[in-house]
Amino acid sequence: MTEIIEVSLTAEQVADRDAWSAGTYQREYDAVTVARQFAYQQTADPIFMQYQRGEATEKEWLAAVEAVKDANPYPVRAS
């Protein structure tokens, strides 16, 4: 069995941990933004170009946009 040893953090380590925790939401939000940008480029943007040329409908394009949003939801900020 592994023994767990508790170690006290210094004030600097506590401050670093708190700063890291405070930025968690923003990091998650930024990651979703990047994932959405990539997904739009791969799926929705080509359909948009087809829509512009009359080869796809607006409904198809908007469905692709919604699919990207559904697959990559933004995090909910803890209150």
PDB file of N, CA and C in Angstrom:
ATOM      1  N   MET A   1       0.839  -1.166   0.000  1.00  0.00           N
ATOM      2  CA  MET A   1       0.000   0.000   0.000  1.00  0.00           C
ATOM      3  C   MET A   1       0.891   1.238   0.000  1.00  0.00           C
ATOM      4  N   THR A   2       0.497   2.224  -0.790  1.00  0.00           N
ATOM      5  CA  THR A   2       1.264   3.456  -0.887  1.00  0.00           C
ATOM      6  C   THR A   2       0.862   4.406   0.224  1.00  0.00           C
ATOM      7  N   GLU A   3       1.855   4.940   0.877  1.00  0.00           N
ATOM      8  CA  GLU A   3       1.597   5.895   1.951  1.00  0.00           C
ATOM      9  C   GLU A   3       1.476   7.291   1.359  1.00  0.00           C
ATOM     10  N   ILE A   4       0.484   8.018   1.759  1.00  0.00           N
ATOM     11  CA  ILE A   4       0.280   9.381   1.288  1.00  0.00           C
ATOM     12  C   ILE A   4       0.873  10.329   2.318  1.00  0.00           C
ATOM     13  N   ILE A   5       1.761  11.174   1.848  1.00  0.00           N
ATOM     14  CA  ILE A   5       2.404  12.146   2.725  1.00  0.00           C
ATOM     15  C   ILE A   5       1.884  13.520   2.359  1.00  0.00           C
ATOM     16  N   GLU A   6       1.326  14.208   3.329  1.00  0.00           N
ATOM     17  CA  GLU A   6       0.825  15.546   3.083  1.00  0.00           C
ATOM     18  C   GLU A   6       1.957  16.542   3.287  1.00  0.00           C
ATOM     19  N   VAL A   7       2.067  17.471   2.333  1.00  0.00           N
ATOM     20  CA  VAL A   7       3.114  18.481   2.378  1.00  0.00           C
ATOM     21  C   VAL A   7       2.440  19.845   2.387  1.00  0.00           C
ATOM     22  N   SER A   8       2.879  20.702   3.258  1.00  0.00           N
ATOM     23  CA  SER A   8       2.329  22.058   3.309  1.00  0.00           C
ATOM     24  C   SER A   8       2.900  22.869   2.165  1.00  0.00           C
ATOM     25  N   LEU A   9       2.037  23.686   1.545  1.00  0.00           N
ATOM     26  CA  LEU A   9       2.473  24.538   0.448  1.00  0.00           C
ATOM     27  C   LEU A   9       2.961  25.870   0.997  1.00  0.00           C
ATOM     28  N   THR A  10       3.925  26.433   0.296  1.00  0.00           N
ATOM     29  CA  THR A  10       4.376  27.772   0.659  1.00  0.00           C
ATOM     30  C   THR A  10       3.335  28.772   0.183  1.00  0.00           C
ATOM     31  N   ALA A  11       3.434  29.991   0.675  1.00  0.00           N
ATOM     32  CA  ALA A  11       2.496  31.038   0.250  1.00  0.00           C
ATOM     33  C   ALA A  11       2.586  31.251  -1.260  1.00  0.00           C
ATOM     34  N   GLU A  12       3.775  31.174  -1.815  1.00  0.00           N
ATOM     35  CA  GLU A  12       3.956  31.348  -3.264  1.00  0.00           C
ATOM     36  C   GLU A  12       3.285  30.213  -4.033  1.00  0.00           C
ATOM     37  N   GLN A  13       3.418  28.987  -3.535  1.00  0.00           N
ATOM     38  CA  GLN A  13       2.787  27.846  -4.193  1.00  0.00           C
ATOM     39  C   GLN A  13       1.268  27.942  -4.128  1.00  0.00           C
ATOM     40  N   VAL A  14       0.746  28.403  -3.005  1.00  0.00           N
ATOM     41  CA  VAL A  14      -0.705  28.593  -2.870  1.00  0.00           C
ATOM     42  C   VAL A  14      -1.180  29.651  -3.853  1.00  0.00           C
ATOM     43  N   ALA A  15      -0.435  30.744  -3.965  1.00  0.00           N
ATOM     44  CA  ALA A  15      -0.800  31.812  -4.904  1.00  0.00           C
ATOM     45  C   ALA A  15      -0.773  31.292  -6.343  1.00  0.00           C
ATOM     46  N   ASP A  16       0.244  30.504  -6.686  1.00  0.00           N
ATOM     47  CA  ASP A  16       0.340  29.925  -8.031  1.00  0.00           C
ATOM     48  C   ASP A  16      -0.843  28.997  -8.308  1.00  0.00           C
ATOM     49  N   ARG A  17      -1.192  28.166  -7.321  1.00  0.00           N
ATOM     50  CA  ARG A  17      -2.311  27.239  -7.485  1.00  0.00           C
ATOM     51  C   ARG A  17      -3.619  28.007  -7.686  1.00  0.00           C
ATOM     52  N   ASP A  18      -3.818  29.044  -6.892  1.00  0.00           N
ATOM     53  CA  ASP A  18      -5.040  29.838  -7.010  1.00  0.00           C
ATOM     54  C   ASP A  18      -5.117  30.563  -8.350  1.00  0.00           C
ATOM     55  N   ALA A  19      -3.988  31.083  -8.811  1.00  0.00           N
ATOM     56  CA  ALA A  19      -3.957  31.766 -10.115  1.00  0.00           C
ATOM     57  C   ALA A  19      -4.270  30.774 -11.232  1.00  0.00           C
ATOM     58  N   TRP A  20      -3.717  29.577 -11.132  1.00  0.00           N
ATOM     59  CA  TRP A  20      -3.983  28.545 -12.137  1.00  0.00           C
ATOM     60  C   TRP A  20      -5.464  28.194 -12.141  1.00  0.00           C
ATOM     61  N   SER A  21      -6.041  28.000 -10.967  1.00  0.00           N
ATOM     62  CA  SER A  21      -7.465  27.659 -10.870  1.00  0.00           C
ATOM     63  C   SER A  21      -8.350  28.766 -11.421  1.00  0.00           C
ATOM     64  N   ALA A  22      -7.982  30.002 -11.174  1.00  0.00           N
ATOM     65  CA  ALA A  22      -8.777  31.134 -11.654  1.00  0.00           C
ATOM     66  C   ALA A  22      -8.812  31.179 -13.176  1.00  0.00           C
ATOM     67  N   GLY A  23      -7.787  30.698 -13.837  1.00  0.00           N
ATOM     68  CA  GLY A  23      -7.722  30.728 -15.296  1.00  0.00           C
ATOM     69  C   GLY A  23      -8.278  29.493 -15.972  1.00  0.00           C
ATOM     70  N   THR A  24      -8.778  28.534 -15.216  1.00  0.00           N
ATOM     71  CA  THR A  24      -9.264  27.275 -15.785  1.00  0.00           C
ATOM     72  C   THR A  24     -10.386  27.508 -16.787  1.00  0.00           C
ATOM     73  N   TYR A  25     -11.368  28.320 -16.422  1.00  0.00           N
ATOM     74  CA  TYR A  25     -12.497  28.574 -17.320  1.00  0.00           C
ATOM     75  C   TYR A  25     -12.012  29.170 -18.643  1.00  0.00           C
ATOM     76  N   GLN A  26     -11.127  30.155 -18.564  1.00  0.00           N
ATOM     77  CA  GLN A  26     -10.646  30.814 -19.786  1.00  0.00           C
ATOM     78  C   GLN A  26      -9.874  29.845 -20.668  1.00  0.00           C
ATOM     79  N   ARG A  27      -9.068  28.971 -20.064  1.00  0.00           N
ATOM     80  CA  ARG A  27      -8.323  27.981 -20.859  1.00  0.00           C
ATOM     81  C   ARG A  27      -9.280  27.029 -21.561  1.00  0.00           C
ATOM     82  N   GLU A  28     -10.320  26.577 -20.839  1.00  0.00           N
ATOM     83  CA  GLU A  28     -11.304  25.682 -21.450  1.00  0.00           C
ATOM     84  C   GLU A  28     -12.057  26.395 -22.574  1.00  0.00           C
ATOM     85  N   TYR A  29     -12.437  27.643 -22.348  1.00  0.00           N
ATOM     86  CA  TYR A  29     -13.140  28.442 -23.352  1.00  0.00           C
ATOM     87  C   TYR A  29     -12.270  28.602 -24.602  1.00  0.00           C
ATOM     88  N   ASP A  30     -11.002  28.928 -24.390  1.00  0.00           N
ATOM     89  CA  ASP A  30     -10.078  29.104 -25.516  1.00  0.00           C
ATOM     90  C   ASP A  30      -9.897  27.809 -26.305  1.00  0.00           C
ATOM     91  N   ALA A  31      -9.835  26.678 -25.593  1.00  0.00           N
ATOM     92  CA  ALA A  31      -9.681  25.381 -26.273  1.00  0.00           C
ATOM     93  C   ALA A  31     -10.901  25.077 -27.143  1.00  0.00           C
ATOM     94  N   VAL A  32     -12.088  25.394 -26.647  1.00  0.00           N
ATOM     95  CA  VAL A  32     -13.305  25.170 -27.437  1.00  0.00           C
ATOM     96  C   VAL A  32     -13.316  26.094 -28.655  1.00  0.00           C
ATOM     97  N   THR A  33     -12.886  27.331 -28.477  1.00  0.00           N
ATOM     98  CA  THR A  33     -12.834  28.270 -29.598  1.00  0.00           C
ATOM     99  C   THR A  33     -11.936  27.744 -30.710  1.00  0.00           C
ATOM    100  N   VAL A  34     -10.776  27.235 -30.344  1.00  0.00           N
ATOM    101  CA  VAL A  34      -9.849  26.678 -31.339  1.00  0.00           C
ATOM    102  C   VAL A  34     -10.463  25.452 -32.008  1.00  0.00           C
ATOM    103  N   ALA A  35     -11.085  24.587 -31.214  1.00  0.00           N
ATOM    104  CA  ALA A  35     -11.708  23.381 -31.777  1.00  0.00           C
ATOM    105  C   ALA A  35     -12.835  23.751 -32.741  1.00  0.00           C
ATOM    106  N   ARG A  36     -13.626  24.769 -32.385  1.00  0.00           N
ATOM    107  CA  ARG A  36     -14.700  25.205 -33.278  1.00  0.00           C
ATOM    108  C   ARG A  36     -14.133  25.779 -34.569  1.00  0.00           C
ATOM    109  N   GLN A  37     -13.099  26.589 -34.470  1.00  0.00           N
ATOM    110  CA  GLN A  37     -12.507  27.172 -35.681  1.00  0.00           C
ATOM    111  C   GLN A  37     -12.055  26.072 -36.639  1.00  0.00           C
ATOM    112  N   PHE A  38     -11.393  25.058 -36.104  1.00  0.00           N
ATOM    113  CA  PHE A  38     -10.938  23.951 -36.940  1.00  0.00           C
ATOM    114  C   PHE A  38     -12.116  23.208 -37.547  1.00  0.00           C
ATOM    115  N   ALA A  39     -13.136  22.933 -36.725  1.00  0.00           N
ATOM    116  CA  ALA A  39     -14.305  22.197 -37.210  1.00  0.00           C
ATOM    117  C   ALA A  39     -15.061  22.990 -38.270  1.00  0.00           C
ATOM    118  N   TYR A  40     -15.193  24.302 -38.070  1.00  0.00           N
ATOM    119  CA  TYR A  40     -15.846  25.134 -39.092  1.00  0.00           C
ATOM    120  C   TYR A  40     -15.089  25.031 -40.413  1.00  0.00           C
ATOM    121  N   GLN A  41     -13.767  25.119 -40.356  1.00  0.00           N
ATOM    122  CA  GLN A  41     -12.959  25.052 -41.574  1.00  0.00           C
ATOM    123  C   GLN A  41     -13.124  23.715 -42.283  1.00  0.00           C
ATOM    124  N   GLN A  42     -13.258  22.653 -41.507  1.00  0.00           N
ATOM    125  CA  GLN A  42     -13.337  21.318 -42.098  1.00  0.00           C
ATOM    126  C   GLN A  42     -14.737  20.956 -42.587  1.00  0.00           C
ATOM    127  N   THR A  43     -15.776  21.486 -41.945  1.00  0.00           N
ATOM    128  CA  THR A  43     -17.127  21.037 -42.287  1.00  0.00           C
ATOM    129  C   THR A  43     -18.036  22.154 -42.792  1.00  0.00           C
ATOM    130  N   ALA A  44     -18.230  23.179 -42.000  1.00  0.00           N
ATOM    131  CA  ALA A  44     -19.219  24.205 -42.348  1.00  0.00           C
ATOM    132  C   ALA A  44     -18.754  25.131 -43.468  1.00  0.00           C
ATOM    133  N   ASP A  45     -17.485  25.498 -43.475  1.00  0.00           N
ATOM    134  CA  ASP A  45     -17.004  26.429 -44.505  1.00  0.00           C
ATOM    135  C   ASP A  45     -17.154  25.876 -45.922  1.00  0.00           C
ATOM    136  N   PRO A  46     -16.796  24.606 -46.168  1.00  0.00           N
ATOM    137  CA  PRO A  46     -17.026  24.080 -47.526  1.00  0.00           C
ATOM    138  C   PRO A  46     -18.500  24.096 -47.931  1.00  0.00           C
ATOM    139  N   ILE A  47     -19.384  23.814 -46.983  1.00  0.00           N
ATOM    140  CA  ILE A  47     -20.814  23.844 -47.304  1.00  0.00           C
ATOM    141  C   ILE A  47     -21.256  25.280 -47.564  1.00  0.00           C
ATOM    142  N   PHE A  48     -20.674  26.235 -46.824  1.00  0.00           N
ATOM    143  CA  PHE A  48     -20.999  27.638 -47.075  1.00  0.00           C
ATOM    144  C   PHE A  48     -20.605  28.035 -48.495  1.00  0.00           C
ATOM    145  N   MET A  49     -19.440  27.599 -48.937  1.00  0.00           N
ATOM    146  CA  MET A  49     -19.005  27.919 -50.305  1.00  0.00           C
ATOM    147  C   MET A  49     -19.940  27.271 -51.324  1.00  0.00           C
ATOM    148  N   GLN A  50     -20.380  26.043 -51.036  1.00  0.00           N
ATOM    149  CA  GLN A  50     -21.349  25.386 -51.919  1.00  0.00           C
ATOM    150  C   GLN A  50     -22.660  26.167 -51.930  1.00  0.00           C
ATOM    151  N   TYR A  51     -23.064  26.660 -50.786  1.00  0.00           N
ATOM    152  CA  TYR A  51     -24.284  27.469 -50.687  1.00  0.00           C
ATOM    153  C   TYR A  51     -24.140  28.735 -51.524  1.00  0.00           C
ATOM    154  N   GLN A  52     -22.985  29.366 -51.458  1.00  0.00           N
ATOM    155  CA  GLN A  52     -22.748  30.583 -52.227  1.00  0.00           C
ATOM    156  C   GLN A  52     -22.828  30.317 -53.739  1.00  0.00           C
ATOM    157  N   ARG A  53     -22.408  29.106 -54.148  1.00  0.00           N
ATOM    158  CA  ARG A  53     -22.451  28.747 -55.568  1.00  0.00           C
ATOM    159  C   ARG A  53     -23.791  28.142 -55.976  1.00  0.00           C
ATOM    160  N   GLY A  54     -24.726  28.015 -55.030  1.00  0.00           N
ATOM    161  CA  GLY A  54     -26.026  27.429 -55.340  1.00  0.00           C
ATOM    162  C   GLY A  54     -26.025  25.914 -55.361  1.00  0.00           C
ATOM    163  N   GLU A  55     -24.976  25.289 -54.810  1.00  0.00           N
ATOM    164  CA  GLU A  55     -24.857  23.826 -54.805  1.00  0.00           C
ATOM    165  C   GLU A  55     -25.354  23.199 -53.502  1.00  0.00           C
ATOM    166  N   ALA A  56     -25.652  24.012 -52.516  1.00  0.00           N
ATOM    167  CA  ALA A  56     -26.189  23.541 -51.235  1.00  0.00           C
ATOM    168  C   ALA A  56     -27.194  24.584 -50.750  1.00  0.00           C
ATOM    169  N   THR A  57     -28.015  24.164 -49.818  1.00  0.00           N
ATOM    170  CA  THR A  57     -29.023  25.098 -49.311  1.00  0.00           C
ATOM    171  C   THR A  57     -28.507  25.800 -48.057  1.00  0.00           C
ATOM    172  N   GLU A  58     -29.153  26.914 -47.749  1.00  0.00           N
ATOM    173  CA  GLU A  58     -28.805  27.630 -46.509  1.00  0.00           C
ATOM    174  C   GLU A  58     -29.073  26.730 -45.303  1.00  0.00           C
ATOM    175  N   LYS A  59     -30.116  25.948 -45.386  1.00  0.00           N
ATOM    176  CA  LYS A  59     -30.465  25.040 -44.298  1.00  0.00           C
ATOM    177  C   LYS A  59     -29.345  24.025 -44.042  1.00  0.00           C
ATOM    178  N   GLU A  60     -28.746  23.499 -45.107  1.00  0.00           N
ATOM    179  CA  GLU A  60     -27.634  22.546 -44.958  1.00  0.00           C
ATOM    180  C   GLU A  60     -26.436  23.217 -44.294  1.00  0.00           C
ATOM    181  N   TRP A  61     -26.142  24.443 -44.732  1.00  0.00           N
ATOM    182  CA  TRP A  61     -25.013  25.168 -44.161  1.00  0.00           C
ATOM    183  C   TRP A  61     -25.253  25.453 -42.676  1.00  0.00           C
ATOM    184  N   LEU A  62     -26.440  25.959 -42.335  1.00  0.00           N
ATOM    185  CA  LEU A  62     -26.733  26.279 -40.938  1.00  0.00           C
ATOM    186  C   LEU A  62     -26.766  25.019 -40.070  1.00  0.00           C
ATOM    187  N   ALA A  63     -27.182  23.904 -40.639  1.00  0.00           N
ATOM    188  CA  ALA A  63     -27.159  22.634 -39.904  1.00  0.00           C
ATOM    189  C   ALA A  63     -25.721  22.228 -39.599  1.00  0.00           C
ATOM    190  N   ALA A  64     -24.813  22.460 -40.539  1.00  0.00           N
ATOM    191  CA  ALA A  64     -23.405  22.148 -40.304  1.00  0.00           C
ATOM    192  C   ALA A  64     -22.827  23.041 -39.204  1.00  0.00           C
ATOM    193  N   VAL A  65     -23.212  24.308 -39.201  1.00  0.00           N
ATOM    194  CA  VAL A  65     -22.760  25.235 -38.155  1.00  0.00           C
ATOM    195  C   VAL A  65     -23.273  24.761 -36.792  1.00  0.00           C
ATOM    196  N   GLU A  66     -24.531  24.395 -36.712  1.00  0.00           N
ATOM    197  CA  GLU A  66     -25.108  23.922 -35.455  1.00  0.00           C
ATOM    198  C   GLU A  66     -24.448  22.620 -34.993  1.00  0.00           C
ATOM    199  N   ALA A  67     -24.108  21.755 -35.937  1.00  0.00           N
ATOM    200  CA  ALA A  67     -23.441  20.497 -35.582  1.00  0.00           C
ATOM    201  C   ALA A  67     -22.087  20.776 -34.932  1.00  0.00           C
ATOM    202  N   VAL A  68     -21.367  21.768 -35.445  1.00  0.00           N
ATOM    203  CA  VAL A  68     -20.078  22.141 -34.857  1.00  0.00           C
ATOM    204  C   VAL A  68     -20.295  22.670 -33.436  1.00  0.00           C
ATOM    205  N   LYS A  69     -21.286  23.529 -33.270  1.00  0.00           N
ATOM    206  CA  LYS A  69     -21.568  24.082 -31.937  1.00  0.00           C
ATOM    207  C   LYS A  69     -21.987  22.987 -30.960  1.00  0.00           C
ATOM    208  N   ASP A  70     -22.807  22.050 -31.433  1.00  0.00           N
ATOM    209  CA  ASP A  70     -23.262  20.959 -30.563  1.00  0.00           C
ATOM    210  C   ASP A  70     -22.105  20.045 -30.160  1.00  0.00           C
ATOM    211  N   ALA A  71     -21.172  19.828 -31.078  1.00  0.00           N
ATOM    212  CA  ALA A  71     -20.041  18.952 -30.801  1.00  0.00           C
ATOM    213  C   ALA A  71     -18.983  19.626 -29.928  1.00  0.00           C
ATOM    214  N   ASN A  72     -19.001  20.955 -29.881  1.00  0.00           N
ATOM    215  CA  ASN A  72     -17.987  21.706 -29.135  1.00  0.00           C
ATOM    216  C   ASN A  72     -18.658  22.770 -28.265  1.00  0.00           C
ATOM    217  N   PRO A  73     -19.346  22.349 -27.211  1.00  0.00           N
ATOM    218  CA  PRO A  73     -20.038  23.331 -26.373  1.00  0.00           C
ATOM    219  C   PRO A  73     -19.061  24.126 -25.523  1.00  0.00           C
ATOM    220  N   TYR A  74     -19.382  25.393 -25.318  1.00  0.00           N
ATOM    221  CA  TYR A  74     -18.554  26.218 -24.431  1.00  0.00           C
ATOM    222  C   TYR A  74     -18.788  25.778 -22.986  1.00  0.00           C
ATOM    223  N   PRO A  75     -17.764  25.882 -22.147  1.00  0.00           N
ATOM    224  CA  PRO A  75     -17.930  25.492 -20.742  1.00  0.00           C
ATOM    225  C   PRO A  75     -18.875  26.458 -20.027  1.00  0.00           C
ATOM    226  N   VAL A  76     -19.462  25.970 -18.977  1.00  0.00           N
ATOM    227  CA  VAL A  76     -20.355  26.792 -18.155  1.00  0.00           C
ATOM    228  C   VAL A  76     -19.509  27.348 -17.005  1.00  0.00           C
ATOM    229  N   ARG A  77     -19.552  28.654 -16.855  1.00  0.00           N
ATOM    230  CA  ARG A  77     -18.771  29.289 -15.793  1.00  0.00           C
ATOM    231  C   ARG A  77     -19.409  28.961 -14.445  1.00  0.00           C
ATOM    232  N   ALA A  78     -18.577  28.492 -13.526  1.00  0.00           N
ATOM    233  CA  ALA A  78     -19.057  28.198 -12.170  1.00  0.00           C
ATOM    234  C   ALA A  78     -19.399  29.513 -11.477  1.00  0.00           C
ATOM    235  N   SER A  79     -20.505  29.512 -10.763  1.00  0.00           N
ATOM    236  CA  SER A  79     -20.889  30.764 -10.102  1.00  0.00           C
ATOM    237  C   SER A  79     -20.417  30.812  -8.675  1.00  0.00           C
TER     238      SER A  79
END
